[in-house]
N, C-alpha and C. Protein backbone atom coordinates (compact mmCIF):
# COMPACT_ATOMS: atom_id res chain seq x y z
N UNK A 1 3.86 7.47 0.11
CA UNK A 1 4.75 6.46 0.31
C UNK A 1 5.11 6.44 1.93
N UNK A 2 4.56 7.13 2.65
CA UNK A 2 4.58 6.97 4.12
C UNK A 2 3.82 6.18 4.54
N UNK A 3 2.43 5.90 3.92
CA UNK A 3 1.59 4.92 4.13
C UNK A 3 1.97 3.68 3.78
N UNK A 4 2.85 3.54 2.78
CA UNK A 4 3.40 2.20 2.51
C UNK A 4 4.39 1.68 3.59
N UNK A 5 5.36 2.71 4.00
CA UNK A 5 6.27 2.23 5.02
C UNK A 5 5.54 1.95 6.46
N UNK A 6 4.57 2.64 6.67
CA UNK A 6 3.49 2.35 7.92
C UNK A 6 3.11 1.15 7.71
N UNK A 7 2.51 0.76 6.73
CA UNK A 7 1.88 -0.59 6.46
C UNK A 7 3.13 -1.64 6.70
N UNK A 8 4.11 -1.54 6.04
CA UNK A 8 5.19 -2.59 6.17
C UNK A 8 5.58 -2.67 7.68
N UNK A 9 5.80 -1.52 8.33
CA UNK A 9 6.32 -1.65 9.68
C UNK A 9 5.15 -2.24 10.59
N UNK A 10 3.93 -1.87 10.29
CA UNK A 10 2.73 -2.75 11.14
C UNK A 10 2.71 -4.05 10.83
N UNK A 11 3.08 -4.44 9.55
CA UNK A 11 2.72 -5.96 9.21
C UNK A 11 3.75 -6.57 9.96
N UNK A 12 5.11 -6.01 9.98
CA UNK A 12 6.46 -6.57 10.85
C UNK A 12 5.99 -7.04 12.02
N UNK A 13 5.28 -5.91 13.06
CA UNK A 13 5.11 -6.09 14.24
C UNK A 13 3.55 -6.89 14.75
N UNK A 14 3.10 -7.45 13.41
CA UNK A 14 2.12 -8.34 13.60
C UNK A 14 0.65 -7.46 13.68
N UNK A 15 0.47 -6.36 13.36
CA UNK A 15 -0.61 -5.48 13.25
C UNK A 15 -1.30 -5.60 12.03
N UNK A 16 -1.71 -6.63 11.54
CA UNK A 16 -2.16 -6.96 10.24
C UNK A 16 -3.14 -6.07 9.55
N UNK A 17 -4.30 -5.97 10.52
CA UNK A 17 -5.57 -5.38 9.97
C UNK A 17 -5.13 -3.72 9.83
N UNK A 18 -4.37 -3.37 10.90
CA UNK A 18 -3.99 -1.86 10.89
C UNK A 18 -3.03 -1.47 9.57
N UNK A 19 -2.14 -2.38 9.19
CA UNK A 19 -1.24 -2.65 8.16
C UNK A 19 -2.03 -2.74 6.86
N UNK A 20 -2.92 -3.25 6.59
CA UNK A 20 -3.76 -3.48 5.37
C UNK A 20 -4.56 -2.21 5.18
N UNK A 21 -5.12 -1.47 6.30
CA UNK A 21 -5.91 -0.37 6.23
C UNK A 21 -4.97 0.63 5.77
N UNK A 22 -3.57 0.71 5.98
CA UNK A 22 -2.81 1.77 5.72
C UNK A 22 -2.31 1.62 4.36
N UNK A 23 -2.24 0.57 3.73
CA UNK A 23 -1.82 0.17 2.47
C UNK A 23 -2.97 0.38 1.48
N UNK A 24 -3.96 0.03 1.97
CA UNK A 24 -5.37 0.34 1.12
C UNK A 24 -5.64 1.71 0.95
N UNK A 25 -5.50 2.68 1.74
CA UNK A 25 -5.55 3.93 1.89
C UNK A 25 -4.68 4.56 0.93
N UNK A 26 -3.20 4.15 1.06
CA UNK A 26 -2.23 4.34 -0.16
C UNK A 26 -2.62 4.13 -1.57
N UNK A 27 -3.14 2.75 -1.69
CA UNK A 27 -3.56 2.40 -2.93
C UNK A 27 -4.77 3.37 -3.63
N UNK A 28 -5.70 3.65 -2.68
CA UNK A 28 -6.75 4.67 -3.08
C UNK A 28 -6.12 5.90 -3.51
N UNK A 29 -5.22 6.56 -2.78
CA UNK A 29 -4.58 7.90 -3.12
C UNK A 29 -4.06 7.65 -4.42
N UNK A 30 -3.10 6.61 -4.75
CA UNK A 30 -2.26 6.39 -5.99
C UNK A 30 -3.02 6.19 -6.99
N UNK A 31 -4.15 5.54 -6.90
CA UNK A 31 -5.15 5.35 -7.89
C UNK A 31 -5.83 6.30 -8.30
N UNK A 32 -5.95 7.44 -7.64
CA UNK A 32 -6.59 8.45 -7.92
C UNK A 32 -5.79 9.46 -8.76
N UNK A 33 -4.37 9.50 -8.11
CA UNK A 33 -3.56 10.14 -8.76
C UNK A 33 -2.74 9.69 -10.33
N UNK A 34 -2.84 8.35 -10.30
CA UNK A 34 -2.34 7.74 -11.38
C UNK A 34 -3.56 7.97 -12.46
N UNK A 35 -4.56 8.02 -12.27
CA UNK A 35 -5.83 8.12 -13.35
C UNK A 35 -5.33 9.61 -13.79
N UNK A 36 -4.92 10.69 -13.18
CA UNK A 36 -4.69 11.99 -13.75
C UNK A 36 -3.44 12.05 -14.40
N UNK A 37 -2.40 11.36 -13.88
CA UNK A 37 -1.17 11.28 -14.49
C UNK A 37 -0.20 9.87 -14.19
N UNK A 38 -0.71 8.89 -15.23
CA UNK A 38 -0.24 7.59 -14.94
C UNK A 38 1.27 7.56 -15.21
N UNK A 39 2.03 8.39 -15.75
CA UNK A 39 3.45 8.11 -16.01
C UNK A 39 4.05 8.50 -14.80
N UNK A 40 3.61 9.73 -14.20
CA UNK A 40 4.31 10.01 -12.88
C UNK A 40 3.81 8.99 -11.47
N UNK A 41 2.75 8.86 -11.39
CA UNK A 41 2.10 8.10 -10.25
C UNK A 41 1.78 6.53 -10.49
N UNK A 42 1.95 6.16 -11.55
CA UNK A 42 1.71 4.59 -12.08
C UNK A 42 2.52 3.96 -11.26
N UNK A 43 3.81 3.88 -11.49
CA UNK A 43 4.99 3.10 -10.45
C UNK A 43 4.80 3.19 -8.91
N UNK A 44 4.04 4.26 -8.38
CA UNK A 44 3.91 4.39 -6.90
C UNK A 44 2.70 3.45 -6.82
N UNK A 45 1.72 3.78 -7.85
CA UNK A 45 0.64 2.84 -7.25
C UNK A 45 1.05 1.30 -7.54
N UNK A 46 1.74 0.87 -8.52
CA UNK A 46 2.16 -0.36 -8.33
C UNK A 46 2.87 -1.10 -7.20
N UNK A 47 3.78 0.12 -6.84
CA UNK A 47 4.57 -0.39 -5.40
C UNK A 47 3.43 -0.61 -4.32
N UNK A 48 2.43 0.09 -4.19
CA UNK A 48 1.58 0.02 -3.25
C UNK A 48 0.82 -1.43 -3.50
N UNK A 49 0.23 -1.53 -4.66
CA UNK A 49 -0.38 -2.77 -4.84
C UNK A 49 0.54 -4.14 -4.65
N UNK A 50 1.79 -3.82 -4.81
CA UNK A 50 2.69 -5.02 -4.42
C UNK A 50 2.87 -5.35 -2.87
N UNK A 51 2.81 -3.94 -2.22
CA UNK A 51 2.90 -4.04 -0.59
C UNK A 51 1.87 -4.73 -0.22
N UNK A 52 0.39 -4.36 -0.76
CA UNK A 52 -0.60 -5.01 -0.35
C UNK A 52 -0.81 -6.39 -0.69
N UNK A 53 -0.28 -6.86 -1.72
CA UNK A 53 -0.28 -8.39 -2.04
C UNK A 53 0.48 -9.09 -1.06
N UNK A 54 1.65 -8.47 -0.65
CA UNK A 54 2.55 -9.13 0.39
C UNK A 54 1.92 -9.16 1.59
N UNK A 55 1.45 -8.19 2.05
CA UNK A 55 0.56 -8.07 3.37
C UNK A 55 -0.52 -9.08 3.36
N UNK A 56 -1.35 -9.33 2.24
CA UNK A 56 -2.49 -10.07 2.34
C UNK A 56 -2.16 -11.61 2.25
N UNK A 57 -0.54 -11.88 2.07
CA UNK A 57 -0.20 -13.15 2.10
C UNK A 57 0.53 -13.63 3.44
N UNK A 58 0.44 -12.53 4.29
CA UNK A 58 0.90 -13.07 5.78
C UNK A 58 -0.13 -13.89 6.36
N UNK A 59 0.33 -14.56 7.31
CA UNK A 59 -0.59 -15.20 8.13
C UNK A 59 -1.18 -14.16 9.19
N UNK A 60 -2.60 -14.42 9.54
CA UNK A 60 -3.31 -13.46 10.03
C UNK A 60 -2.80 -13.41 11.65
């Protein structure tokens, strides 16, 4: 969750590349965790994917 928050904060201040790197790291971690326990970590993975999608839509 901290990586999601960091990604959002970096995106707000215009540090897009760093923002995307942080959220992509979060997605990677949550993807691994969701494979082992989808009921517990699936929602967090979905949230990270939504953050990533939103950040990718920002102007560079």
